Amino acid sequence: MSSAPATLPDILTLSAARFARRPAVEGHDGIWTYALLEEAATRLAAALVDAGIKPGDKVAICLRKSLKSVAAVFGILRAGAVFVPLDKSAPAGRLVSILADCGAKGLIASGKKLSEILSGLPGEVGPIVAVDVQEPGATPPGPIPSSCRRFLTWDEATTASPDTRRIHREPSDLAYILYTSGSTGVPKGVMITHTNALAFTTWARRTFGVGSEDRVASVAPFHFDLSTFDLYSTLEGGGTVVLVPEDVTLFPASLAGYLESCRVTIAYLVPSLITGMLLHGDLAGKSLDSLRTILFAGEVFQPRYLSRLMEALPRVALFNLYGPTETNVCTYYEVRPEDRGREQPVPIGIPASGDSVFALDESGDLVRESGKEGELYVGGPTVAMGYWGDEAKTRNLFLDAHQHAPRGSRVYRTGDRVSLDPSGAWLYHGRRDHMVKSRGYRIELGDIEAALYAHHGVGEAVAVAVPDEEVGHRIKAYVVLRDALKADAAAIQRHCAERLPRYMVPEFVEFLPAIPKTPNGKADRARLAAPGPHQKSS
């Protein structure tokens, strides 16, 4: 066997052979060594195959982070299947739509959530293999519907003899699908191959020196692409994945204390979490002697808070990582002492993960000069296959070749506006469309508007992103009600919560007699997004 992983499940197999007795994953439910994690994943893979899961089948996971959830990820991959992580906080209806979209053949979930999803599956999805992880405190699932071809408990799925047969998968095969917010109100699935994932995770392991002594905080949920570093780069390096409970991430003081008590050495976080720890978590007062590296990505890090982070943790190396889900990390920048006190955000940096990046101006000419703005394009091994089931959108944004990309490189058009600084690093200036970032999550405002219009009382609606230094943006909805109909803000928010993930539900709802329009008749988003009383002053 090659000493380098060719596919994602090879990561665990190779590291289990080298680091069998070392801790691989640590969570609220205990610690598993590499040997134990490999055994659980191998047994689960055998159970999935015996239940009828075939190479290339989609198997979804809807679990809180735990030892079993990590084993489930690798068990799916070991079975040759495609991993589809779901947002556990999202409404069951949205999760059902994702399973229907990708034609899932398997689902690993727990208790009531499992039965809610299974009960909502349309007939065309066909029989599905379900595994109930039986998380502590979870409500037992109700009656198993006929849509379930095979139902297994976690114990049943992981006590059978492990299957040592290796299911062959090519590096170019699909490894997982990450669903992101879609402008039409329907989540879109980004297709990631084993090659795509390994191009980033192996580069990151080498670049940041992830080794067997490292304890890497796993803060991002598995449906968020930041988690790929936490899982795959850490395990490839022989380190320990420290699973941070979801409720800890809701409270900055708790998160800062968790990093301290767990002796974390590397953390990959969105800037809003770091800002929260600086403002509310007494980060400077924590004993973080073990912490050596912080990676941040997902949104712009406000300069004033980056400077405060540099002051609070002067010996910690800081890196700004950039890349949409469609490319994972394609550029990076190491923060320098001279960046402290700067007024503008630090650059997104130089190419990473073996990718090439370039920008084209409005005339389609290559951006070569410092200060000239253009749209960023990415070509190279991390560029995804495209969008599941959406050939038109894939053709529009993914190019099989480009004259400014290396021969053979697949190219992605990001929609991000950038320019070069005098040193040759890329600077980020914002989006060309209505996609925004909040708390690191990518949000299409059209997705929120589609949910608003689904309310029977809404005649017209616009969602806008209000800049916020702590979380990047806060979402505000402006609503015009139909004649003689009434609704309050809480009712609109509850309605959205039934259709959208928690992070997409508008924090503010304002009712207007009419939506202001631009001269060409479109909603005047700039006027609606102007500073209001809910915004913090700068």
Protein backbone atom coordinates (compact mmCIF):
# COMPACT_ATOMS: atom_id res chain seq x y z
CA MET A 1 0.00 0.00 0.00
CA SER A 2 1.22 3.49 -0.82
CA SER A 3 2.49 5.55 2.10
CA ALA A 4 0.27 8.44 0.94
CA PRO A 5 -3.53 8.19 1.00
CA ALA A 6 -5.16 7.91 -2.42
CA THR A 7 -8.70 8.18 -1.04
CA LEU A 8 -10.12 9.53 2.20
CA PRO A 9 -10.63 6.16 3.96
CA ASP A 10 -6.94 5.44 3.36
CA ILE A 11 -6.18 8.21 5.85
CA LEU A 12 -7.56 6.20 8.75
CA THR A 13 -6.21 2.87 7.52
CA LEU A 14 -2.65 4.18 7.18
CA SER A 15 -2.68 6.11 10.46
CA ALA A 16 -4.21 3.18 12.36
CA ALA A 17 -1.25 1.08 11.24
CA ARG A 18 1.22 3.71 12.49
CA PHE A 19 -0.53 5.12 15.56
CA ALA A 20 -2.78 2.23 16.70
CA ARG A 21 -2.64 3.03 20.42
CA ARG A 22 -2.63 6.80 20.19
CA PRO A 23 -5.86 8.76 20.76
CA ALA A 24 -7.56 9.51 17.46
CA VAL A 25 -10.73 11.24 18.63
CA GLU A 26 -11.86 12.67 21.95
CA GLY A 27 -15.37 13.85 22.72
CA HIS A 28 -18.05 14.15 25.36
CA ASP A 29 -18.51 10.39 25.15
CA GLY A 30 -14.91 9.35 25.71
CA ILE A 31 -11.71 8.68 23.78
CA TRP A 32 -11.05 6.22 20.97
CA THR A 33 -7.61 5.17 19.80
CA TYR A 34 -6.83 4.85 16.12
CA ALA A 35 -7.28 1.08 16.42
CA LEU A 36 -10.75 1.43 17.97
CA LEU A 37 -11.86 4.04 15.43
CA GLU A 38 -10.65 1.89 12.55
CA GLU A 39 -12.44 -1.17 13.95
CA ALA A 40 -15.75 0.68 14.39
CA ALA A 41 -15.55 2.17 10.89
CA THR A 42 -14.68 -1.19 9.35
CA ARG A 43 -17.55 -3.00 11.09
CA LEU A 44 -20.03 -0.29 10.10
CA ALA A 45 -18.82 -0.44 6.49
CA ALA A 46 -19.41 -4.20 6.45
CA ALA A 47 -22.92 -3.75 7.85
CA LEU A 48 -23.78 -1.13 5.24
CA VAL A 49 -22.53 -3.35 2.42
CA ASP A 50 -24.42 -6.37 3.78
CA ALA A 51 -27.56 -4.19 3.95
CA GLY A 52 -27.27 -3.40 0.26
CA ILE A 53 -25.26 -0.17 0.09
CA LYS A 54 -23.22 -0.16 -3.11
CA PRO A 55 -20.21 1.92 -4.21
CA GLY A 56 -21.37 5.39 -5.17
CA ASP A 57 -24.61 5.23 -3.15
CA LYS A 58 -25.35 8.34 -1.07
CA VAL A 59 -25.50 7.83 2.69
CA ALA A 60 -26.45 10.79 4.87
CA ILE A 61 -25.49 11.53 8.46
CA CYS A 62 -27.61 13.66 10.79
CA LEU A 63 -25.88 13.47 14.18
CA ARG A 64 -24.32 15.62 16.83
CA LYS A 65 -20.56 15.28 16.93
CA SER A 66 -19.41 12.21 18.83
CA LEU A 67 -17.02 9.27 18.59
CA LYS A 68 -19.72 7.37 16.70
CA SER A 69 -20.29 10.20 14.22
CA VAL A 70 -16.60 10.19 13.24
CA ALA A 71 -16.71 6.40 12.84
CA ALA A 72 -19.85 6.84 10.72
CA VAL A 73 -18.04 9.20 8.33
CA PHE A 74 -15.24 6.72 7.75
CA GLY A 75 -17.60 3.74 7.73
CA ILE A 76 -19.56 5.27 4.85
CA LEU A 77 -16.36 6.02 2.95
CA ARG A 78 -14.95 2.54 3.65
CA ALA A 79 -18.14 1.08 2.16
CA GLY A 80 -17.39 2.96 -1.06
CA ALA A 81 -20.40 5.19 -0.55
CA VAL A 82 -20.74 8.97 -0.77
CA PHE A 83 -20.96 10.85 2.53
CA VAL A 84 -23.77 13.47 2.76
CA PRO A 85 -23.61 15.43 6.05
CA LEU A 86 -26.83 17.10 7.20
CA ASP A 87 -27.40 20.05 9.50
CA LYS A 88 -29.01 18.53 12.61
CA SER A 89 -30.61 21.88 13.47
CA ALA A 90 -32.36 22.23 10.11
CA PRO A 91 -36.09 21.46 9.81
CA ALA A 92 -36.90 17.88 8.83
CA GLY A 93 -38.57 19.09 5.64
CA ARG A 94 -35.37 20.69 4.39
CA LEU A 95 -33.39 17.55 5.20
CA VAL A 96 -35.94 15.38 3.38
CA SER A 97 -35.55 17.60 0.30
CA ILE A 98 -31.77 17.05 0.39
CA LEU A 99 -32.14 13.26 0.65
CA ALA A 100 -34.64 13.30 -2.20
CA ASP A 101 -32.38 15.51 -4.29
CA CYS A 102 -29.33 13.25 -4.02
CA GLY A 103 -31.33 9.99 -4.07
CA ALA A 104 -29.91 8.83 -0.76
CA LYS A 105 -29.83 5.09 -0.11
CA GLY A 106 -28.83 5.30 3.54
CA LEU A 107 -29.32 7.48 6.61
CA ILE A 108 -27.45 7.42 9.92
CA ALA A 109 -29.27 9.47 12.54
CA SER A 110 -30.73 9.17 16.01
CA GLY A 111 -34.14 8.74 17.58
CA LYS A 112 -36.91 11.15 16.74
CA LYS A 113 -34.90 12.97 14.05
CA LEU A 114 -34.37 9.67 12.26
CA SER A 115 -38.07 8.82 12.21
CA GLU A 116 -39.05 12.39 11.23
CA ILE A 117 -36.82 12.25 8.16
CA LEU A 118 -37.82 8.71 7.20
CA SER A 119 -41.52 9.55 7.52
CA GLY A 120 -41.17 12.50 5.19
CA LEU A 121 -39.33 10.73 2.38
CA PRO A 122 -41.26 10.70 -0.91
CA GLY A 123 -41.90 7.38 -2.58
CA GLU A 124 -39.48 8.03 -5.44
CA VAL A 125 -36.51 7.97 -3.06
CA GLY A 126 -37.05 4.22 -2.76
CA PRO A 127 -36.14 1.87 0.08
CA ILE A 128 -33.43 3.20 2.36
CA VAL A 129 -31.03 1.67 4.87
CA ALA A 130 -31.32 3.34 8.29
CA VAL A 131 -28.98 3.16 11.26
CA ASP A 132 -30.15 4.49 14.63
CA VAL A 133 -27.13 5.65 16.60
CA GLN A 134 -29.21 5.76 19.81
CA GLU A 135 -27.62 8.89 21.23
CA PRO A 136 -27.99 9.29 25.01
CA GLY A 137 -31.16 11.22 25.84
CA ALA A 138 -32.58 10.94 22.33
CA THR A 139 -36.27 10.13 22.00
CA PRO A 140 -36.60 6.61 20.55
CA PRO A 141 -37.78 6.56 16.94
CA GLY A 142 -41.42 5.94 16.26
CA PRO A 143 -42.78 3.24 13.94
CA ILE A 144 -40.37 2.53 11.10
CA PRO A 145 -42.05 3.45 7.78
CA SER A 146 -42.15 1.22 4.73
CA SER A 147 -39.60 3.51 3.05
CA CYS A 148 -36.96 1.84 5.24
CA ARG A 149 -35.51 -1.24 3.51
CA ARG A 150 -33.36 -2.22 6.47
CA PHE A 151 -33.27 -0.82 10.01
CA LEU A 152 -30.24 -1.35 12.26
CA THR A 153 -29.26 -0.09 15.65
CA TRP A 154 -25.71 1.15 16.07
CA ASP A 155 -24.84 -1.92 18.13
CA GLU A 156 -26.18 -4.22 15.43
CA ALA A 157 -24.22 -2.36 12.79
CA THR A 158 -20.92 -2.46 14.67
CA THR A 159 -20.85 -5.87 16.36
CA ALA A 160 -20.76 -8.04 13.27
CA SER A 161 -17.38 -9.37 12.14
CA PRO A 162 -15.42 -6.63 10.37
CA ASP A 163 -15.17 -7.09 6.64
CA THR A 164 -11.55 -6.95 5.55
CA ARG A 165 -12.45 -6.77 1.86
CA ARG A 166 -11.33 -3.50 0.35
CA ILE A 167 -13.88 -1.82 -1.88
CA HIS A 168 -11.93 -0.15 -4.64
CA ARG A 169 -12.61 3.51 -5.27
CA GLU A 170 -10.74 5.77 -7.66
CA PRO A 171 -9.34 9.10 -6.41
CA SER A 172 -11.53 10.79 -9.02
CA ASP A 173 -14.70 9.22 -7.56
CA LEU A 174 -17.19 11.28 -5.59
CA ALA A 175 -16.39 11.29 -1.84
CA TYR A 176 -19.02 13.61 -0.33
CA ILE A 177 -21.66 16.20 -1.16
CA LEU A 178 -21.92 19.42 0.85
CA TYR A 179 -25.27 21.19 0.55
CA THR A 180 -25.19 24.98 0.70
CA SER A 181 -27.78 27.72 0.50
CA GLY A 182 -29.31 28.14 -2.96
CA SER A 183 -30.63 31.33 -4.56
CA THR A 184 -33.88 29.62 -5.63
CA GLY A 185 -34.73 28.41 -2.14
CA VAL A 186 -33.50 24.87 -2.90
CA PRO A 187 -30.17 23.82 -1.31
CA LYS A 188 -27.50 22.99 -3.88
CA GLY A 189 -25.09 20.09 -3.45
CA VAL A 190 -21.41 20.65 -4.13
CA MET A 191 -19.76 17.42 -5.33
CA ILE A 192 -16.29 16.79 -3.85
CA THR A 193 -14.04 13.97 -5.04
CA HIS A 194 -11.36 12.18 -3.01
CA THR A 195 -8.74 14.07 -5.05
CA ASN A 196 -10.44 17.40 -4.31
CA ALA A 197 -10.48 16.76 -0.57
CA LEU A 198 -6.97 15.31 -0.28
CA ALA A 199 -5.43 18.16 -2.29
CA PHE A 200 -6.42 20.51 0.53
CA THR A 201 -6.13 18.26 3.58
CA THR A 202 -2.66 16.92 2.71
CA TRP A 203 -1.44 20.42 1.82
CA ALA A 204 -2.81 21.74 5.12
CA ARG A 205 -1.22 18.93 7.15
CA ARG A 206 2.16 19.72 5.65
CA THR A 207 1.84 23.50 5.69
CA PHE A 208 0.73 23.74 9.32
CA GLY A 209 2.84 20.82 10.51
CA VAL A 210 0.02 18.70 11.92
CA GLY A 211 1.63 15.81 13.81
CA SER A 212 0.97 13.08 16.34
CA GLU A 213 1.35 15.43 19.31
CA ASP A 214 -1.29 17.86 18.06
CA ARG A 215 -4.74 18.20 19.57
CA VAL A 216 -6.95 19.85 16.95
CA ALA A 217 -10.25 21.43 17.96
CA SER A 218 -13.15 20.26 15.81
CA VAL A 219 -15.53 23.20 16.12
CA ALA A 220 -17.21 23.30 12.70
CA PRO A 221 -20.14 20.90 12.11
CA PHE A 222 -19.53 18.20 9.51
CA HIS A 223 -21.81 19.89 6.95
CA PHE A 224 -19.49 22.93 7.01
CA ASP A 225 -16.34 22.60 4.90
CA LEU A 226 -14.05 23.87 7.67
CA SER A 227 -14.51 20.45 9.26
CA THR A 228 -12.48 18.75 6.53
CA PHE A 229 -9.26 20.06 8.07
CA ASP A 230 -10.31 19.04 11.58
CA LEU A 231 -11.03 15.45 10.55
CA TYR A 232 -8.80 14.49 7.66
CA SER A 233 -5.68 16.63 8.15
CA THR A 234 -5.58 15.76 11.86
CA LEU A 235 -5.98 12.01 11.37
CA GLU A 236 -3.55 11.95 8.47
CA GLY A 237 -0.97 13.53 10.77
CA GLY A 238 -1.65 11.13 13.63
CA GLY A 239 -3.07 13.84 15.89
CA THR A 240 -6.15 13.85 18.11
CA VAL A 241 -9.47 15.31 16.93
CA VAL A 242 -10.99 17.12 19.93
CA LEU A 243 -14.73 17.27 19.29
CA VAL A 244 -16.12 20.52 20.69
CA PRO A 245 -19.81 20.11 21.67
CA GLU A 246 -22.22 22.28 19.71
CA ASP A 247 -23.60 23.95 22.85
CA VAL A 248 -20.08 25.07 23.80
CA THR A 249 -19.70 27.00 20.54
CA LEU A 250 -22.82 29.03 21.33
CA PHE A 251 -21.10 30.71 24.27
CA PRO A 252 -17.73 32.40 23.63
CA ALA A 253 -16.66 32.14 27.27
CA SER A 254 -17.33 28.41 27.22
CA LEU A 255 -15.40 27.93 23.97
CA ALA A 256 -12.35 29.81 25.25
CA GLY A 257 -12.41 27.72 28.42
CA TYR A 258 -12.80 24.52 26.39
CA LEU A 259 -9.71 25.29 24.30
CA GLU A 260 -7.83 25.88 27.54
CA SER A 261 -8.99 22.77 29.43
CA CYS A 262 -8.52 20.44 26.45
CA ARG A 263 -4.99 21.72 25.76
CA VAL A 264 -5.79 22.39 22.11
CA THR A 265 -2.77 23.09 19.90
CA ILE A 266 -4.53 24.03 16.62
CA ALA A 267 -7.97 25.60 16.10
CA TYR A 268 -9.71 26.36 12.81
CA LEU A 269 -12.46 28.91 13.46
CA VAL A 270 -14.68 31.47 11.80
CA PRO A 271 -13.75 35.07 12.78
CA SER A 272 -17.09 35.69 14.49
CA LEU A 273 -16.30 32.96 17.04
CA ILE A 274 -12.87 34.43 17.69
CA THR A 275 -14.38 37.90 18.04
CA GLY A 276 -16.92 36.54 20.51
CA MET A 277 -14.14 35.03 22.62
CA LEU A 278 -12.26 38.32 22.57
CA LEU A 279 -15.31 40.32 23.62
CA HIS A 280 -16.97 37.90 26.02
CA GLY A 281 -14.60 35.03 26.74
CA ASP A 282 -11.61 36.72 28.41
CA LEU A 283 -9.34 35.12 25.84
CA ALA A 284 -6.31 37.05 27.05
CA GLY A 285 -6.91 35.77 30.58
CA LYS A 286 -6.92 32.09 29.58
CA SER A 287 -3.88 29.85 29.94
CA LEU A 288 -3.46 28.80 26.32
CA ASP A 289 0.18 27.79 26.41
CA SER A 290 -0.57 24.69 24.31
CA LEU A 291 -2.17 26.69 21.50
CA ARG A 292 0.30 27.25 18.67
CA THR A 293 -1.81 27.94 15.56
CA ILE A 294 -5.16 29.53 14.78
CA LEU A 295 -6.57 29.25 11.27
CA PHE A 296 -9.54 31.42 10.38
CA ALA A 297 -11.81 31.43 7.35
CA GLY A 298 -15.40 31.81 6.21
CA GLU A 299 -15.76 35.57 6.54
CA VAL A 300 -13.78 38.79 6.78
CA PHE A 301 -11.93 39.24 10.08
CA GLN A 302 -12.42 42.83 11.18
CA PRO A 303 -8.97 44.44 11.59
CA ARG A 304 -9.62 45.86 15.06
CA TYR A 305 -10.39 42.39 16.42
CA LEU A 306 -7.52 40.75 14.60
CA SER A 307 -5.21 43.26 16.27
CA ARG A 308 -6.73 42.40 19.64
CA LEU A 309 -6.18 38.70 18.93
CA MET A 310 -2.53 39.36 18.09
CA GLU A 311 -2.18 41.24 21.37
CA ALA A 312 -3.93 38.54 23.41
CA LEU A 313 -2.00 35.63 21.87
CA PRO A 314 1.34 37.03 20.71
CA ARG A 315 3.06 33.63 20.36
CA VAL A 316 0.29 31.99 18.30
CA ALA A 317 0.72 31.75 14.51
CA LEU A 318 -2.32 33.15 12.67
CA PHE A 319 -3.39 32.29 9.14
CA ASN A 320 -6.22 33.65 6.99
CA LEU A 321 -7.60 30.88 4.74
CA TYR A 322 -9.91 31.63 1.82
CA GLY A 323 -12.03 29.55 -0.49
CA PRO A 324 -15.69 28.82 -1.27
CA THR A 325 -17.13 25.35 -0.70
CA GLU A 326 -16.59 24.67 -4.42
CA THR A 327 -12.79 24.91 -3.98
CA ASN A 328 -12.19 24.49 -0.25
CA VAL A 329 -9.05 26.51 0.59
CA CYS A 330 -7.40 27.95 -2.52
CA THR A 331 -5.42 30.86 -1.02
CA TYR A 332 -3.89 31.62 2.36
CA TYR A 333 -2.04 34.36 4.18
CA GLU A 334 0.16 34.24 7.26
CA VAL A 335 -0.55 37.21 9.52
CA ARG A 336 2.57 39.29 10.19
CA PRO A 337 3.53 41.54 13.11
CA GLU A 338 3.17 44.60 10.89
CA ASP A 339 -0.51 43.70 10.31
CA ARG A 340 -1.32 44.72 13.85
CA GLY A 341 -3.13 48.05 13.78
CA ARG A 342 -3.88 48.00 10.06
CA GLU A 343 -7.17 49.61 8.99
CA GLN A 344 -8.08 47.25 6.15
CA PRO A 345 -8.62 43.47 6.38
CA VAL A 346 -5.55 41.31 5.81
CA PRO A 347 -5.16 39.78 2.33
CA ILE A 348 -6.62 36.40 1.44
CA GLY A 349 -3.10 35.75 0.23
CA ILE A 350 -1.37 33.49 -2.26
CA PRO A 351 -2.35 30.19 -3.92
CA ALA A 352 -2.76 27.11 -1.71
CA SER A 353 -3.50 23.39 -2.11
CA GLY A 354 -1.79 23.22 -5.51
CA ASP A 355 -4.33 25.58 -7.07
CA SER A 356 -3.76 28.48 -9.42
CA VAL A 357 -5.80 31.67 -9.05
CA PHE A 358 -6.33 34.61 -11.35
CA ALA A 359 -8.79 37.47 -11.78
CA LEU A 360 -10.52 38.93 -14.83
CA ASP A 361 -11.77 42.50 -15.05
CA GLU A 362 -15.13 43.52 -16.56
CA SER A 363 -13.61 43.38 -20.04
CA GLY A 364 -12.37 39.83 -19.51
CA ASP A 365 -8.73 40.91 -19.31
CA LEU A 366 -6.33 39.40 -16.82
CA VAL A 367 -5.75 41.49 -13.69
CA ARG A 368 -2.00 42.05 -13.47
CA GLU A 369 -1.62 45.44 -11.83
CA SER A 370 -1.84 46.24 -8.14
CA GLY A 371 -5.12 47.93 -7.20
CA LYS A 372 -7.08 46.84 -10.27
CA GLU A 373 -10.24 44.92 -9.39
CA GLY A 374 -11.62 41.77 -10.99
CA GLU A 375 -13.49 38.52 -10.37
CA LEU A 376 -11.48 35.65 -8.91
CA TYR A 377 -11.16 32.33 -10.76
CA VAL A 378 -9.65 29.17 -9.29
CA GLY A 379 -8.14 26.28 -11.23
CA GLY A 380 -6.58 23.14 -9.83
CA PRO A 381 -7.04 19.93 -7.86
CA THR A 382 -9.44 21.27 -5.23
CA VAL A 383 -12.05 22.47 -7.74
CA ALA A 384 -15.24 20.42 -7.25
CA MET A 385 -16.99 18.29 -9.87
CA GLY A 386 -19.93 20.69 -9.92
CA TYR A 387 -23.46 20.79 -8.48
CA TRP A 388 -25.39 17.59 -8.00
CA GLY A 389 -28.30 17.38 -10.44
CA ASP A 390 -27.81 20.90 -11.82
CA GLU A 391 -25.92 20.70 -15.10
CA ALA A 392 -26.90 24.23 -16.16
CA LYS A 393 -25.48 25.86 -13.04
CA THR A 394 -22.41 23.64 -13.25
CA ARG A 395 -21.77 24.71 -16.86
CA ASN A 396 -22.20 28.36 -15.88
CA LEU A 397 -19.69 28.36 -13.02
CA PHE A 398 -17.34 25.43 -13.70
CA LEU A 399 -15.12 25.52 -16.76
CA ASP A 400 -13.29 22.50 -18.15
CA ALA A 401 -10.40 24.73 -19.20
CA HIS A 402 -9.33 28.36 -19.32
CA GLN A 403 -6.53 30.09 -21.18
CA HIS A 404 -5.14 31.56 -17.96
CA ALA A 405 -5.24 28.28 -16.00
CA PRO A 406 -2.73 25.41 -16.27
CA ARG A 407 -3.58 22.86 -18.93
CA GLY A 408 -5.92 20.19 -17.62
CA SER A 409 -7.17 22.34 -14.73
CA ARG A 410 -10.86 22.53 -14.01
CA VAL A 411 -11.75 26.16 -13.24
CA TYR A 412 -14.35 27.67 -10.91
CA ARG A 413 -15.72 31.18 -11.22
CA THR A 414 -16.10 32.36 -7.62
CA GLY A 415 -18.15 35.56 -7.95
CA ASP A 416 -15.77 37.23 -5.48
CA ARG A 417 -14.24 40.62 -6.26
CA VAL A 418 -10.51 40.88 -5.61
CA SER A 419 -7.41 42.89 -6.41
CA LEU A 420 -3.66 42.42 -6.03
CA ASP A 421 -1.68 44.26 -3.39
CA PRO A 422 1.89 45.45 -4.14
CA SER A 423 3.35 42.21 -2.75
CA GLY A 424 1.29 40.04 -5.11
CA ALA A 425 -1.21 38.84 -2.50
CA TRP A 426 -4.92 38.90 -3.25
CA LEU A 427 -7.26 41.28 -1.42
CA TYR A 428 -10.96 40.46 -1.03
CA HIS A 429 -13.54 43.19 -1.77
CA GLY A 430 -16.92 41.42 -1.61
CA ARG A 431 -19.41 39.60 -3.80
CA ARG A 432 -20.90 40.20 -7.24
CA ASP A 433 -24.27 38.68 -6.24
CA HIS A 434 -26.60 38.41 -3.25
CA MET A 435 -24.63 35.73 -1.42
CA VAL A 436 -23.35 36.79 2.01
CA LYS A 437 -21.54 35.28 4.97
CA SER A 438 -22.87 35.17 8.52
CA ARG A 439 -21.00 33.37 11.30
CA GLY A 440 -18.98 31.72 8.56
CA TYR A 441 -22.00 30.20 6.78
CA ARG A 442 -22.67 30.98 3.15
CA ILE A 443 -26.19 32.33 2.72
CA GLU A 444 -28.09 33.10 -0.47
CA LEU A 445 -30.57 35.86 0.32
CA GLY A 446 -32.84 34.40 -2.33
CA ASP A 447 -33.13 31.24 -0.25
CA ILE A 448 -34.49 33.29 2.66
CA GLU A 449 -36.81 35.25 0.41
CA ALA A 450 -38.24 32.02 -0.98
CA ALA A 451 -39.10 30.96 2.58
CA LEU A 452 -40.69 34.36 3.31
CA TYR A 453 -42.87 34.17 0.22
CA ALA A 454 -44.09 30.74 1.31
CA HIS A 455 -45.97 32.48 4.15
CA HIS A 456 -49.61 32.93 3.11
CA GLY A 457 -49.71 36.48 4.48
CA VAL A 458 -46.61 37.83 2.71
CA GLY A 459 -47.24 39.85 -0.40
CA GLU A 460 -43.69 41.10 -0.94
CA ALA A 461 -40.42 40.43 0.86
CA VAL A 462 -36.74 41.31 0.70
CA ALA A 463 -33.91 39.90 2.79
CA VAL A 464 -30.83 42.05 3.31
CA ALA A 465 -27.52 41.50 5.06
CA VAL A 466 -26.64 44.13 7.63
CA PRO A 467 -22.87 44.37 8.26
CA ASP A 468 -21.91 43.42 11.79
CA GLU A 469 -18.41 43.35 13.26
CA GLU A 470 -19.05 40.33 15.47
CA VAL A 471 -20.71 37.87 13.07
CA GLY A 472 -20.02 39.35 9.61
CA HIS A 473 -23.66 40.03 8.77
CA ARG A 474 -27.03 39.85 10.47
CA ILE A 475 -30.06 39.05 8.35
CA LYS A 476 -33.00 41.43 8.28
CA ALA A 477 -36.27 40.83 6.45
CA TYR A 478 -38.54 43.56 5.11
CA VAL A 479 -42.09 42.34 4.59
CA VAL A 480 -45.20 43.76 2.95
CA LEU A 481 -48.33 41.92 4.08
CA ARG A 482 -51.27 41.10 1.87
CA ASP A 483 -54.40 43.23 2.27
CA ALA A 484 -56.25 42.80 5.56
CA LEU A 485 -53.81 40.16 6.78
CA LYS A 486 -51.84 40.47 9.99
CA ALA A 487 -48.69 38.87 11.31
CA ASP A 488 -46.02 39.80 13.80
CA ALA A 489 -42.25 39.42 13.56
CA ALA A 490 -42.22 36.34 15.77
CA ALA A 491 -44.72 34.58 13.51
CA ILE A 492 -42.63 35.31 10.44
CA GLN A 493 -39.50 34.02 12.21
CA ARG A 494 -41.27 30.83 13.33
CA HIS A 495 -42.44 30.30 9.76
CA CYS A 496 -38.87 30.66 8.47
CA ALA A 497 -37.52 28.36 11.19
CA GLU A 498 -39.76 25.60 9.83
CA ARG A 499 -38.05 25.87 6.44
CA LEU A 500 -34.51 27.14 7.00
CA PRO A 501 -31.48 26.27 9.13
CA ARG A 502 -31.23 28.31 12.32
CA TYR A 503 -28.40 30.50 10.98
CA MET A 504 -30.58 31.66 8.05
CA VAL A 505 -33.63 32.76 10.04
CA PRO A 506 -33.85 36.59 9.95
CA GLU A 507 -32.87 38.16 13.26
CA PHE A 508 -34.93 41.26 12.48
CA VAL A 509 -38.27 41.59 10.69
CA GLU A 510 -39.70 44.97 9.72
CA PHE A 511 -43.10 45.51 8.11
CA LEU A 512 -43.43 48.16 5.41
CA PRO A 513 -46.38 49.47 3.41
CA ALA A 514 -44.28 49.02 0.27
CA ILE A 515 -40.76 47.92 -0.67
CA PRO A 516 -38.68 50.89 -1.92
CA LYS A 517 -37.60 50.50 -5.53
CA THR A 518 -34.69 51.66 -7.67
CA PRO A 519 -35.43 53.62 -10.89
CA ASN A 520 -35.40 50.36 -12.86
CA GLY A 521 -38.08 48.88 -10.60
CA LYS A 522 -35.93 46.52 -8.54
CA ALA A 523 -35.94 46.38 -4.75
CA ASP A 524 -33.62 49.10 -3.44
CA ARG A 525 -31.39 46.78 -1.39
CA ALA A 526 -28.78 49.46 -0.73
CA ARG A 527 -31.38 51.69 0.89
CA LEU A 528 -32.84 48.84 2.92
CA ALA A 529 -29.40 47.75 4.14
CA ALA A 530 -28.47 51.27 5.30
CA PRO A 531 -27.47 51.46 9.00
CA GLY A 532 -30.37 51.18 11.41
CA PRO A 533 -30.82 51.29 15.18
CA HIS A 534 -30.10 47.54 15.53
CA GLN A 535 -26.57 47.98 14.16
CA LYS A 536 -23.60 48.51 16.37
CA SER A 537 -21.75 51.72 15.78
CA SER A 538 -18.22 51.49 14.43
